Amino acid sequence: MSTRFKGFALFAILLCAIGVMPVFASPYAVQNPLGTNSTNATLSGNLVSPTPTGAISVTTDKASYNDGDTITISGSTMNYISGQPVTMEIFNPIGNIVKLAQIDLGSDRTYSTSFKATGPLWSAAGAYKVTVQFGSNVNTAQTTFQFAGSTGTPTQAGNTMPVDGTSLSVQYSITNGKVTDIKADVQSKSLIVSIQTTGDGVLTITLPRGLIDSQTSGGQDDKWVVLNDGQEADFQETSTTTTARTLSIPFVNGTQEIEIIGTQIIPEFGPIAALVFAIAIISIIAVSAKTGLRFMPKY
């Protein structure tokens, strides 16, 4: 075999080997479709999938506020879904919710809401957290602002309303709404508060322990359950004494019924119960007179 042929054969073998050699891609060579910010992408197999970071934004008009100031919260979304609102929650420095709202999204994909910061829910000073969500629970964003704390009280403070089915009353205050009725539900051990709203607000209600309470079997104070139109709601117990407990319950505009569920409720005789009791007493007297029974003291 000639030297020229041997050289050609060797070249052909090397070329074939190169053609079947596996290629190992460096993990650092994967291109991020969202750019250089790696926090906006996740690696799945050999593919980089974008996450919804940046799908919604939120901002406040100022970095800090004082009692009674108006706070404006606004932002925008990447997408527009007709009829789908932006859900906003605001938490105080100790993690209790002080504001809950459903904000309409404009066709330009922006939203905005304004409200006055005051009242017992805003008593704590410090950093307040704003969380917004649009659509899926992964489409969220948050920001914070500083608040000096509130010593004010809500509008319509110091109202008193009798509880249907009892001779007792409760004290309450409410913002952006009015209470139309309060009744005791013995079967569910709850108070049902009917309201009419003019906007997002807070109901603060003082519950006498002689009317309703929530306690463990050992006699210790237990947590309440609060439902806004049948859905479990966030609330804060702002005061606890030996005779009463006070709850502050945020609600959104359009809420019609707030139900406060405890472990015991003690309504006094209502009209029907009193009538039944009276009839029973009369029946006993009539039977006694007819049979000549006498109730004689024992010696």
C-alpha atoms as a PDB file:
ATOM      1  CA  MET A   1       0.000   0.000   0.000  1.00  0.00           C
ATOM      2  CA  SER A   2       1.344   3.362  -1.005  1.00  0.00           C
ATOM      3  CA  THR A   3       2.187   6.027   1.534  1.00  0.00           C
ATOM      4  CA  ARG A   4      -0.369   8.325  -0.116  1.00  0.00           C
ATOM      5  CA  PHE A   5      -3.184   5.763   0.287  1.00  0.00           C
ATOM      6  CA  LYS A   6      -2.285   5.119   3.940  1.00  0.00           C
ATOM      7  CA  GLY A   7      -2.492   8.817   4.678  1.00  0.00           C
ATOM      8  CA  PHE A   8      -5.919   9.102   3.049  1.00  0.00           C
ATOM      9  CA  ALA A   9      -7.242   6.108   5.002  1.00  0.00           C
ATOM     10  CA  LEU A  10      -6.022   7.547   8.303  1.00  0.00           C
ATOM     11  CA  PHE A  11      -7.697  10.876   7.505  1.00  0.00           C
ATOM     12  CA  ALA A  12     -11.005   9.111   6.717  1.00  0.00           C
ATOM     13  CA  ILE A  13     -10.949   7.193  10.038  1.00  0.00           C
ATOM     14  CA  LEU A  14     -10.313  10.378  12.025  1.00  0.00           C
ATOM     15  CA  LEU A  15     -13.125  12.177  10.203  1.00  0.00           C
ATOM     16  CA  CYS A  16     -15.609   9.388  11.046  1.00  0.00           C
ATOM     17  CA  ALA A  17     -14.555   9.370  14.685  1.00  0.00           C
ATOM     18  CA  ILE A  18     -15.153  13.095  14.955  1.00  0.00           C
ATOM     19  CA  GLY A  19     -18.605  12.708  13.359  1.00  0.00           C
ATOM     20  CA  VAL A  20     -19.851  10.248  16.021  1.00  0.00           C
ATOM     21  CA  MET A  21     -18.128  11.821  19.038  1.00  0.00           C
ATOM     22  CA  PRO A  22     -20.762  12.895  21.646  1.00  0.00           C
ATOM     23  CA  VAL A  23     -20.926  16.562  22.412  1.00  0.00           C
ATOM     24  CA  PHE A  24     -21.342  17.546  26.104  1.00  0.00           C
ATOM     25  CA  ALA A  25     -22.901  20.954  26.568  1.00  0.00           C
ATOM     26  CA  SER A  26     -21.656  23.040  29.444  1.00  0.00           C
ATOM     27  CA  PRO A  27     -24.396  23.856  31.960  1.00  0.00           C
ATOM     28  CA  TYR A  28     -23.185  27.427  31.826  1.00  0.00           C
ATOM     29  CA  ALA A  29     -23.879  27.653  28.112  1.00  0.00           C
ATOM     30  CA  VAL A  30     -27.695  27.548  28.430  1.00  0.00           C
ATOM     31  CA  GLN A  31     -29.103  30.835  27.220  1.00  0.00           C
ATOM     32  CA  ASN A  32     -31.593  32.560  29.530  1.00  0.00           C
ATOM     33  CA  PRO A  33     -34.527  33.668  27.349  1.00  0.00           C
ATOM     34  CA  LEU A  34     -35.330  36.425  29.833  1.00  0.00           C
ATOM     35  CA  GLY A  35     -31.867  37.958  29.707  1.00  0.00           C
ATOM     36  CA  THR A  36     -29.047  37.976  32.200  1.00  0.00           C
ATOM     37  CA  ASN A  37     -31.238  38.051  35.368  1.00  0.00           C
ATOM     38  CA  SER A  38     -31.102  34.402  36.375  1.00  0.00           C
ATOM     39  CA  THR A  39     -33.718  34.899  39.111  1.00  0.00           C
ATOM     40  CA  ASN A  40     -36.358  35.184  36.381  1.00  0.00           C
ATOM     41  CA  ALA A  41     -35.803  31.685  35.032  1.00  0.00           C
ATOM     42  CA  THR A  42     -35.725  28.089  36.246  1.00  0.00           C
ATOM     43  CA  LEU A  43     -33.768  25.185  34.724  1.00  0.00           C
ATOM     44  CA  SER A  44     -35.856  22.112  33.884  1.00  0.00           C
ATOM     45  CA  GLY A  45     -33.941  19.347  32.095  1.00  0.00           C
ATOM     46  CA  ASN A  46     -32.268  21.059  29.164  1.00  0.00           C
ATOM     47  CA  LEU A  47     -34.843  23.857  28.994  1.00  0.00           C
ATOM     48  CA  VAL A  48     -34.982  27.175  30.768  1.00  0.00           C
ATOM     49  CA  SER A  49     -38.598  28.122  31.625  1.00  0.00           C
ATOM     50  CA  PRO A  50     -39.524  31.702  32.496  1.00  0.00           C
ATOM     51  CA  THR A  51     -41.292  32.300  35.810  1.00  0.00           C
ATOM     52  CA  PRO A  52     -44.004  34.954  36.206  1.00  0.00           C
ATOM     53  CA  THR A  53     -41.685  37.345  38.059  1.00  0.00           C
ATOM     54  CA  GLY A  54     -42.694  40.838  36.977  1.00  0.00           C
ATOM     55  CA  ALA A  55     -46.214  39.755  35.942  1.00  0.00           C
ATOM     56  CA  ILE A  56     -47.610  42.339  38.385  1.00  0.00           C
ATOM     57  CA  SER A  57     -46.117  45.393  40.076  1.00  0.00           C
ATOM     58  CA  VAL A  58     -47.125  47.413  43.136  1.00  0.00           C
ATOM     59  CA  THR A  59     -46.035  50.748  44.575  1.00  0.00           C
ATOM     60  CA  THR A  60     -47.171  53.350  47.116  1.00  0.00           C
ATOM     61  CA  ASP A  61     -47.306  57.081  46.477  1.00  0.00           C
ATOM     62  CA  LYS A  62     -45.070  57.765  49.515  1.00  0.00           C
ATOM     63  CA  ALA A  63     -42.560  55.854  51.608  1.00  0.00           C
ATOM     64  CA  SER A  64     -44.106  56.799  54.976  1.00  0.00           C
ATOM     65  CA  TYR A  65     -47.429  58.030  56.366  1.00  0.00           C
ATOM     66  CA  ASN A  66     -48.943  59.485  59.523  1.00  0.00           C
ATOM     67  CA  ASP A  67     -52.284  58.817  61.221  1.00  0.00           C
ATOM     68  CA  GLY A  68     -55.159  59.994  59.007  1.00  0.00           C
ATOM     69  CA  ASP A  69     -53.082  60.210  55.807  1.00  0.00           C
ATOM     70  CA  THR A  70     -54.503  58.934  52.538  1.00  0.00           C
ATOM     71  CA  ILE A  71     -52.498  56.053  51.078  1.00  0.00           C
ATOM     72  CA  THR A  72     -52.568  55.433  47.329  1.00  0.00           C
ATOM     73  CA  ILE A  73     -51.474  52.028  46.049  1.00  0.00           C
ATOM     74  CA  SER A  74     -51.111  51.390  42.331  1.00  0.00           C
ATOM     75  CA  GLY A  75     -49.412  49.142  39.815  1.00  0.00           C
ATOM     76  CA  SER A  76     -49.730  47.318  36.521  1.00  0.00           C
ATOM     77  CA  THR A  77     -49.937  43.802  35.130  1.00  0.00           C
ATOM     78  CA  MET A  78     -48.457  42.077  32.085  1.00  0.00           C
ATOM     79  CA  ASN A  79     -51.830  40.658  31.069  1.00  0.00           C
ATOM     80  CA  TYR A  80     -55.448  41.801  31.092  1.00  0.00           C
ATOM     81  CA  ILE A  81     -58.299  39.454  32.008  1.00  0.00           C
ATOM     82  CA  SER A  82     -61.777  40.942  31.758  1.00  0.00           C
ATOM     83  CA  GLY A  83     -63.590  40.821  35.101  1.00  0.00           C
ATOM     84  CA  GLN A  84     -60.516  39.626  37.000  1.00  0.00           C
ATOM     85  CA  PRO A  85     -59.663  42.036  39.873  1.00  0.00           C
ATOM     86  CA  VAL A  86     -56.388  42.533  41.668  1.00  0.00           C
ATOM     87  CA  THR A  87     -56.487  41.285  45.263  1.00  0.00           C
ATOM     88  CA  MET A  88     -54.676  43.494  47.781  1.00  0.00           C
ATOM     89  CA  GLU A  89     -53.830  42.704  51.405  1.00  0.00           C
ATOM     90  CA  ILE A  90     -52.027  44.953  53.905  1.00  0.00           C
ATOM     91  CA  PHE A  91     -50.412  43.525  57.044  1.00  0.00           C
ATOM     92  CA  ASN A  92     -49.313  45.467  60.119  1.00  0.00           C
ATOM     93  CA  PRO A  93     -45.865  45.008  61.743  1.00  0.00           C
ATOM     94  CA  ILE A  94     -47.027  42.004  63.800  1.00  0.00           C
ATOM     95  CA  GLY A  95     -48.566  40.218  60.800  1.00  0.00           C
ATOM     96  CA  ASN A  96     -52.262  40.963  61.286  1.00  0.00           C
ATOM     97  CA  ILE A  97     -54.273  42.004  58.238  1.00  0.00           C
ATOM     98  CA  VAL A  98     -55.541  45.592  58.378  1.00  0.00           C
ATOM     99  CA  LYS A  99     -56.871  46.062  54.850  1.00  0.00           C
ATOM    100  CA  LEU A 100     -58.345  43.741  52.228  1.00  0.00           C
ATOM    101  CA  ALA A 101     -59.604  44.916  48.843  1.00  0.00           C
ATOM    102  CA  GLN A 102     -60.532  43.734  45.360  1.00  0.00           C
ATOM    103  CA  ILE A 103     -59.334  46.387  42.887  1.00  0.00           C
ATOM    104  CA  ASP A 104     -60.680  46.618  39.341  1.00  0.00           C
ATOM    105  CA  LEU A 105     -58.040  46.333  36.622  1.00  0.00           C
ATOM    106  CA  GLY A 106     -58.285  48.821  33.774  1.00  0.00           C
ATOM    107  CA  SER A 107     -58.070  47.813  30.116  1.00  0.00           C
ATOM    108  CA  ASP A 108     -54.685  49.551  30.078  1.00  0.00           C
ATOM    109  CA  ARG A 109     -53.561  46.905  32.614  1.00  0.00           C
ATOM    110  CA  THR A 110     -53.170  49.386  35.478  1.00  0.00           C
ATOM    111  CA  TYR A 111     -54.924  49.573  38.854  1.00  0.00           C
ATOM    112  CA  SER A 112     -55.098  52.052  41.727  1.00  0.00           C
ATOM    113  CA  THR A 113     -56.864  52.469  45.069  1.00  0.00           C
ATOM    114  CA  SER A 114     -56.790  55.082  47.848  1.00  0.00           C
ATOM    115  CA  PHE A 115     -57.915  54.921  51.478  1.00  0.00           C
ATOM    116  CA  LYS A 116     -57.387  56.675  54.817  1.00  0.00           C
ATOM    117  CA  ALA A 117     -55.120  54.964  57.355  1.00  0.00           C
ATOM    118  CA  THR A 118     -56.610  55.350  60.832  1.00  0.00           C
ATOM    119  CA  GLY A 119     -58.425  53.412  63.507  1.00  0.00           C
ATOM    120  CA  PRO A 120     -57.633  50.598  65.957  1.00  0.00           C
ATOM    121  CA  LEU A 121     -56.305  48.189  63.329  1.00  0.00           C
ATOM    122  CA  TRP A 122     -53.616  50.760  62.464  1.00  0.00           C
ATOM    123  CA  SER A 123     -52.470  51.371  66.049  1.00  0.00           C
ATOM    124  CA  ALA A 124     -49.057  49.709  65.603  1.00  0.00           C
ATOM    125  CA  ALA A 125     -46.146  51.816  64.333  1.00  0.00           C
ATOM    126  CA  GLY A 126     -43.580  50.358  61.960  1.00  0.00           C
ATOM    127  CA  ALA A 127     -43.299  48.692  58.558  1.00  0.00           C
ATOM    128  CA  TYR A 128     -46.550  47.639  56.871  1.00  0.00           C
ATOM    129  CA  LYS A 129     -46.445  45.072  54.042  1.00  0.00           C
ATOM    130  CA  VAL A 130     -48.586  45.333  50.899  1.00  0.00           C
ATOM    131  CA  THR A 131     -49.213  42.133  48.910  1.00  0.00           C
ATOM    132  CA  VAL A 132     -51.054  42.051  45.572  1.00  0.00           C
ATOM    133  CA  GLN A 133     -52.147  39.076  43.483  1.00  0.00           C
ATOM    134  CA  PHE A 134     -53.602  38.809  40.000  1.00  0.00           C
ATOM    135  CA  GLY A 135     -55.018  35.539  38.704  1.00  0.00           C
ATOM    136  CA  SER A 136     -52.767  32.650  39.672  1.00  0.00           C
ATOM    137  CA  ASN A 137     -51.276  32.702  43.164  1.00  0.00           C
ATOM    138  CA  VAL A 138     -47.789  32.850  41.622  1.00  0.00           C
ATOM    139  CA  ASN A 139     -48.571  36.229  40.049  1.00  0.00           C
ATOM    140  CA  THR A 140     -47.827  38.239  43.172  1.00  0.00           C
ATOM    141  CA  ALA A 141     -45.795  41.257  44.225  1.00  0.00           C
ATOM    142  CA  GLN A 142     -45.216  43.122  47.453  1.00  0.00           C
ATOM    143  CA  THR A 143     -43.855  46.347  48.851  1.00  0.00           C
ATOM    144  CA  THR A 144     -43.650  48.034  52.254  1.00  0.00           C
ATOM    145  CA  PHE A 145     -44.226  51.462  53.770  1.00  0.00           C
ATOM    146  CA  GLN A 146     -43.694  53.028  57.171  1.00  0.00           C
ATOM    147  CA  PHE A 147     -46.651  54.117  59.305  1.00  0.00           C
ATOM    148  CA  ALA A 148     -46.454  56.201  62.489  1.00  0.00           C
ATOM    149  CA  GLY A 149     -49.361  54.426  64.221  1.00  0.00           C
ATOM    150  CA  SER A 150     -52.944  55.517  64.866  1.00  0.00           C
ATOM    151  CA  THR A 151     -54.732  56.733  67.952  1.00  0.00           C
ATOM    152  CA  GLY A 152     -57.927  57.561  66.094  1.00  0.00           C
ATOM    153  CA  THR A 153     -61.218  55.681  66.079  1.00  0.00           C
ATOM    154  CA  PRO A 154     -63.359  54.711  63.108  1.00  0.00           C
ATOM    155  CA  THR A 155     -66.418  56.665  62.066  1.00  0.00           C
ATOM    156  CA  GLN A 156     -69.798  55.718  63.534  1.00  0.00           C
ATOM    157  CA  ALA A 157     -68.127  54.757  66.827  1.00  0.00           C
ATOM    158  CA  GLY A 158     -69.983  53.921  70.010  1.00  0.00           C
ATOM    159  CA  ASN A 159     -73.157  52.540  68.436  1.00  0.00           C
ATOM    160  CA  THR A 160     -75.319  50.088  70.385  1.00  0.00           C
ATOM    161  CA  MET A 161     -77.736  47.584  68.851  1.00  0.00           C
ATOM    162  CA  PRO A 162     -79.994  44.985  70.507  1.00  0.00           C
ATOM    163  CA  VAL A 163     -79.460  41.358  69.542  1.00  0.00           C
ATOM    164  CA  ASP A 164     -82.589  39.707  68.117  1.00  0.00           C
ATOM    165  CA  GLY A 165     -83.842  36.853  70.284  1.00  0.00           C
ATOM    166  CA  THR A 166     -82.285  38.265  73.452  1.00  0.00           C
ATOM    167  CA  SER A 167     -82.639  41.246  75.756  1.00  0.00           C
ATOM    168  CA  LEU A 168     -78.927  42.022  75.387  1.00  0.00           C
ATOM    169  CA  SER A 169     -77.154  44.566  73.179  1.00  0.00           C
ATOM    170  CA  VAL A 170     -73.669  44.893  71.691  1.00  0.00           C
ATOM    171  CA  GLN A 171     -71.517  47.935  71.013  1.00  0.00           C
ATOM    172  CA  TYR A 172     -69.878  48.392  67.635  1.00  0.00           C
ATOM    173  CA  SER A 173     -68.262  50.826  65.232  1.00  0.00           C
ATOM    174  CA  ILE A 174     -68.008  50.555  61.467  1.00  0.00           C
ATOM    175  CA  THR A 175     -66.287  52.325  58.600  1.00  0.00           C
ATOM    176  CA  ASN A 176     -67.822  52.617  55.122  1.00  0.00           C
ATOM    177  CA  GLY A 177     -71.053  50.929  56.047  1.00  0.00           C
ATOM    178  CA  LYS A 178     -73.867  50.502  58.539  1.00  0.00           C
ATOM    179  CA  VAL A 179     -75.190  47.616  60.625  1.00  0.00           C
ATOM    180  CA  THR A 180     -78.838  46.822  59.890  1.00  0.00           C
ATOM    181  CA  ASP A 181     -79.428  43.835  62.161  1.00  0.00           C
ATOM    182  CA  ILE A 182     -77.729  41.538  64.698  1.00  0.00           C
ATOM    183  CA  LYS A 183     -79.269  38.215  65.657  1.00  0.00           C
ATOM    184  CA  ALA A 184     -78.258  35.206  67.719  1.00  0.00           C
ATOM    185  CA  ASP A 185     -78.146  31.783  66.077  1.00  0.00           C
ATOM    186  CA  VAL A 186     -78.365  29.258  68.917  1.00  0.00           C
ATOM    187  CA  GLN A 187     -77.854  26.224  66.686  1.00  0.00           C
ATOM    188  CA  SER A 188     -74.529  27.434  65.253  1.00  0.00           C
ATOM    189  CA  LYS A 189     -73.533  29.283  68.458  1.00  0.00           C
ATOM    190  CA  SER A 190     -72.963  32.461  66.480  1.00  0.00           C
ATOM    191  CA  LEU A 191     -73.928  36.086  66.029  1.00  0.00           C
ATOM    192  CA  ILE A 192     -75.015  37.092  62.541  1.00  0.00           C
ATOM    193  CA  VAL A 193     -74.400  40.754  61.706  1.00  0.00           C
ATOM    194  CA  SER A 194     -76.162  42.135  58.623  1.00  0.00           C
ATOM    195  CA  ILE A 195     -74.470  45.166  57.047  1.00  0.00           C
ATOM    196  CA  GLN A 196     -74.805  47.548  54.103  1.00  0.00           C
ATOM    197  CA  THR A 197     -71.489  48.800  52.708  1.00  0.00           C
ATOM    198  CA  THR A 198     -70.374  51.887  50.802  1.00  0.00           C
ATOM    199  CA  GLY A 199     -66.780  50.698  50.373  1.00  0.00           C
ATOM    200  CA  ASP A 200     -64.102  48.510  51.930  1.00  0.00           C
ATOM    201  CA  GLY A 201     -64.200  48.922  55.700  1.00  0.00           C
ATOM    202  CA  VAL A 202     -63.823  47.461  59.179  1.00  0.00           C
ATOM    203  CA  LEU A 203     -66.434  46.324  61.708  1.00  0.00           C
ATOM    204  CA  THR A 204     -65.269  46.587  65.320  1.00  0.00           C
ATOM    205  CA  ILE A 205     -67.671  44.827  67.696  1.00  0.00           C
ATOM    206  CA  THR A 206     -67.570  44.200  71.452  1.00  0.00           C
ATOM    207  CA  LEU A 207     -69.022  40.821  72.440  1.00  0.00           C
ATOM    208  CA  PRO A 208     -70.294  40.406  76.027  1.00  0.00           C
ATOM    209  CA  ARG A 209     -69.217  37.070  77.478  1.00  0.00           C
ATOM    210  CA  GLY A 210     -72.705  36.743  78.950  1.00  0.00           C
ATOM    211  CA  LEU A 211     -74.036  36.624  75.396  1.00  0.00           C
ATOM    212  CA  ILE A 212     -71.424  34.738  73.386  1.00  0.00           C
ATOM    213  CA  ASP A 213     -67.945  33.397  74.017  1.00  0.00           C
ATOM    214  CA  SER A 214     -65.349  31.044  72.573  1.00  0.00           C
ATOM    215  CA  GLN A 215     -63.598  28.863  75.129  1.00  0.00           C
ATOM    216  CA  THR A 216     -61.842  25.518  75.380  1.00  0.00           C
ATOM    217  CA  SER A 217     -63.183  22.663  77.482  1.00  0.00           C
ATOM    218  CA  GLY A 218     -60.794  23.829  80.200  1.00  0.00           C
ATOM    219  CA  GLY A 219     -62.354  27.286  80.320  1.00  0.00           C
ATOM    220  CA  GLN A 220     -59.537  29.101  78.507  1.00  0.00           C
ATOM    221  CA  ASP A 221     -60.187  31.653  75.757  1.00  0.00           C
ATOM    222  CA  ASP A 222     -60.247  30.004  72.338  1.00  0.00           C
ATOM    223  CA  LYS A 223     -60.113  31.400  68.813  1.00  0.00           C
ATOM    224  CA  TRP A 224     -63.221  32.675  67.084  1.00  0.00           C
ATOM    225  CA  VAL A 225     -64.273  31.760  63.560  1.00  0.00           C
ATOM    226  CA  VAL A 226     -65.452  34.690  61.407  1.00  0.00           C
ATOM    227  CA  LEU A 227     -67.195  34.319  58.048  1.00  0.00           C
ATOM    228  CA  ASN A 228     -67.806  37.150  55.575  1.00  0.00           C
ATOM    229  CA  ASP A 229     -70.664  36.057  53.320  1.00  0.00           C
ATOM    230  CA  GLY A 230     -69.854  32.445  54.138  1.00  0.00           C
ATOM    231  CA  GLN A 231     -66.103  32.698  53.488  1.00  0.00           C
ATOM    232  CA  GLU A 232     -63.570  32.520  56.327  1.00  0.00           C
ATOM    233  CA  ALA A 233     -62.249  36.011  57.013  1.00  0.00           C
ATOM    234  CA  ASP A 234     -59.190  37.517  58.636  1.00  0.00           C
ATOM    235  CA  PHE A 235     -59.760  39.499  61.830  1.00  0.00           C
ATOM    236  CA  GLN A 236     -57.990  40.754  64.936  1.00  0.00           C
ATOM    237  CA  GLU A 237     -58.999  40.507  68.599  1.00  0.00           C
ATOM    238  CA  THR A 238     -58.115  43.985  69.830  1.00  0.00           C
ATOM    239  CA  SER A 239     -59.316  43.809  73.446  1.00  0.00           C
ATOM    240  CA  THR A 240     -59.992  41.063  75.999  1.00  0.00           C
ATOM    241  CA  THR A 241     -61.475  41.583  79.485  1.00  0.00           C
ATOM    242  CA  THR A 242     -63.230  39.396  82.025  1.00  0.00           C
ATOM    243  CA  THR A 243     -66.620  40.593  80.748  1.00  0.00           C
ATOM    244  CA  ALA A 244     -66.184  41.137  76.985  1.00  0.00           C
ATOM    245  CA  ARG A 245     -64.005  40.532  73.926  1.00  0.00           C
ATOM    246  CA  THR A 246     -63.614  42.986  71.029  1.00  0.00           C
ATOM    247  CA  LEU A 247     -62.996  41.969  67.402  1.00  0.00           C
ATOM    248  CA  SER A 248     -61.992  44.131  64.412  1.00  0.00           C
ATOM    249  CA  ILE A 249     -63.133  42.515  61.176  1.00  0.00           C
ATOM    250  CA  PRO A 250     -62.134  43.926  57.752  1.00  0.00           C
ATOM    251  CA  PHE A 251     -64.631  43.518  54.907  1.00  0.00           C
ATOM    252  CA  VAL A 252     -64.742  44.332  51.206  1.00  0.00           C
ATOM    253  CA  ASN A 253     -67.382  46.462  49.540  1.00  0.00           C
ATOM    254  CA  GLY A 254     -70.523  44.440  48.835  1.00  0.00           C
ATOM    255  CA  THR A 255     -70.286  42.224  51.931  1.00  0.00           C
ATOM    256  CA  GLN A 256     -73.774  41.625  53.344  1.00  0.00           C
ATOM    257  CA  GLU A 257     -73.316  39.307  56.318  1.00  0.00           C
ATOM    258  CA  ILE A 258     -70.621  38.766  58.943  1.00  0.00           C
ATOM    259  CA  GLU A 259     -71.012  35.684  61.135  1.00  0.00           C
ATOM    260  CA  ILE A 260     -69.038  35.390  64.396  1.00  0.00           C
ATOM    261  CA  ILE A 261     -68.915  31.780  65.621  1.00  0.00           C
ATOM    262  CA  GLY A 262     -68.023  30.838  69.188  1.00  0.00           C
ATOM    263  CA  THR A 263     -68.413  27.772  71.384  1.00  0.00           C
ATOM    264  CA  GLN A 264     -71.316  28.970  73.507  1.00  0.00           C
ATOM    265  CA  ILE A 265     -74.168  31.436  73.205  1.00  0.00           C
ATOM    266  CA  ILE A 266     -76.627  32.257  75.956  1.00  0.00           C
ATOM    267  CA  PRO A 267     -79.697  34.087  74.638  1.00  0.00           C
ATOM    268  CA  GLU A 268     -82.450  34.844  77.097  1.00  0.00           C
ATOM    269  CA  PHE A 269     -86.054  33.845  76.526  1.00  0.00           C
ATOM    270  CA  GLY A 270     -87.421  35.164  73.273  1.00  0.00           C
ATOM    271  CA  PRO A 271     -91.174  35.775  72.709  1.00  0.00           C
ATOM    272  CA  ILE A 272     -91.910  32.228  71.497  1.00  0.00           C
ATOM    273  CA  ALA A 273     -89.956  30.592  74.310  1.00  0.00           C
ATOM    274  CA  ALA A 274     -91.640  32.827  76.878  1.00  0.00           C
ATOM    275  CA  LEU A 275     -95.097  31.908  75.487  1.00  0.00           C
ATOM    276  CA  VAL A 276     -94.317  28.183  75.639  1.00  0.00           C
ATOM    277  CA  PHE A 277     -93.059  28.560  79.202  1.00  0.00           C
ATOM    278  CA  ALA A 278     -96.220  30.472  80.244  1.00  0.00           C
ATOM    279  CA  ILE A 279     -98.498  27.830  78.707  1.00  0.00           C
ATOM    280  CA  ALA A 280     -96.616  25.107  80.552  1.00  0.00           C
ATOM    281  CA  ILE A 281     -97.037  26.903  83.891  1.00  0.00           C
ATOM    282  CA  ILE A 282    -100.774  27.443  83.283  1.00  0.00           C
ATOM    283  CA  SER A 283    -101.195  23.762  82.377  1.00  0.00           C
ATOM    284  CA  ILE A 284     -99.493  22.659  85.587  1.00  0.00           C
ATOM    285  CA  ILE A 285    -101.734  24.928  87.686  1.00  0.00           C
ATOM    286  CA  ALA A 286    -104.867  23.685  85.903  1.00  0.00           C
ATOM    287  CA  VAL A 287    -103.961  20.038  86.424  1.00  0.00           C
ATOM    288  CA  SER A 288    -103.165  20.674  90.068  1.00  0.00           C
ATOM    289  CA  ALA A 289    -106.512  22.404  90.670  1.00  0.00           C
ATOM    290  CA  LYS A 290    -108.443  19.611  88.949  1.00  0.00           C
ATOM    291  CA  THR A 291    -106.816  16.776  90.835  1.00  0.00           C
ATOM    292  CA  GLY A 292    -106.730  18.580  94.135  1.00  0.00           C
ATOM    293  CA  LEU A 293    -102.979  18.315  94.450  1.00  0.00           C
ATOM    294  CA  ARG A 294    -101.358  20.543  96.982  1.00  0.00           C
ATOM    295  CA  PHE A 295     -97.728  21.315  97.339  1.00  0.00           C
ATOM    296  CA  MET A 296     -97.069  20.909 101.017  1.00  0.00           C
ATOM    297  CA  PRO A 297     -93.731  21.670 102.644  1.00  0.00           C
ATOM    298  CA  LYS A 298     -91.834  18.733 104.034  1.00  0.00           C
ATOM    299  CA  TYR A 299     -91.003  18.621 107.758  1.00  0.00           C
END
